[in-house]
Amino acid sequence: MEVLERYATEENKERWLTPLLNGEIRSAFAMTEPAVASSDATNIESSIVRDGDEYVINGRKWWTSGILDRRCKILIFMGKTDPTAEKHKQQSMILVPVDTKGITINRALTVFGYDHAPHGHGDVTFENVRVPASNMLLGEGRGFEIAQGRLGPGRIHHCMRCIGQAERALESMKTRANSRVAFGSKLSEKGALRHKVAEARIKIDQTRLMVLYAAHKMDTVGNKAARKEIAMIKVAAPRMACEIIDEAIQVHGGGGVSQEFKLAYAYGSNRTLRLADGPDEVHLEAIAKAEFRKND
């Protein structure tokens, strides 16, 4: 929705953003490709070629999150409009209605065996898909500019959800520890478990403060100036959530890895966030660059 609000024409806002805001439809984002290392988005090879008043789209995408939802009606597609341009000016983003001829959903991808229904993640082929030229967002060669505008807010949303899921895992851990007796006392009375709970509280609150600070910078100085803080929370929050959910799984014993509780599902979702919207390594490099730049 941020992309449409910031970069779409008024006509496309009326057609797509309004029903999205009303909860009438859903959207998807087609960026990652199976044939290249998509963590370096300059590798993306799908093509967007102008043909009169239309653009013709060809390529294969995967991890197109949301496209399997029956309510998904529109997707944003990233591909190359000019392979000869400077590498960060080759890519563009364009709106593609999901019912356009030439779109084939090959399969649903699972996350640690979970299908994330009804949202879902699709492996999708685009073969000579034609859309109006007016569907181009912002202009040719501005895909990276749009990506940064989208991914900043998207990453902070992910991190907020990490905190919420870590809180839920901690509550589940405490409830379980209070209800189980082993070797003569409740688990909640054993020092090792109590320390795990204390450490979890520290980690959650540390991360919450980092996310609040990043949000404050985004609000006061803008997404671009807050890039380092956004990168920091994108690394810290999923790591923290995975650690705490893993501890909660341990406290739940065999039940923790089953579908009896939501912990295994939550672990898979949060572990995925260490890859989604850029892997940890990309963000760590961005943080390091920002730090060394201070001394230039």
Foldseek 3Di string as FASTA:
>chain_A
DLLCVPWADPVVCVVPVVCVVVVQADEWEFQAAPVDDCLVSLPAAWEWEDDPQKTWTWDKGWQRWQLQAPRYFKYKHKHAHDPPDDSLQGIWIFIDTSPFPQKDFPDWDAQVNHQPPPGTITTITGHRGMDGPSRTTNDHRCHVVSLLSPLLVVLLVVLVVLLVLLVVLLVLLVVLQQPDDDPHGGNCPDPVSVVLSVVLVVLSVVLVVLSVVLVVCCVPPRSVVSLLSSLVSLQRRLVSSLVSLVVSLVSVPPVSCDPPDCSVVSNSVSVCSCPPSHHNVVSVVVNVVVVVVVVD
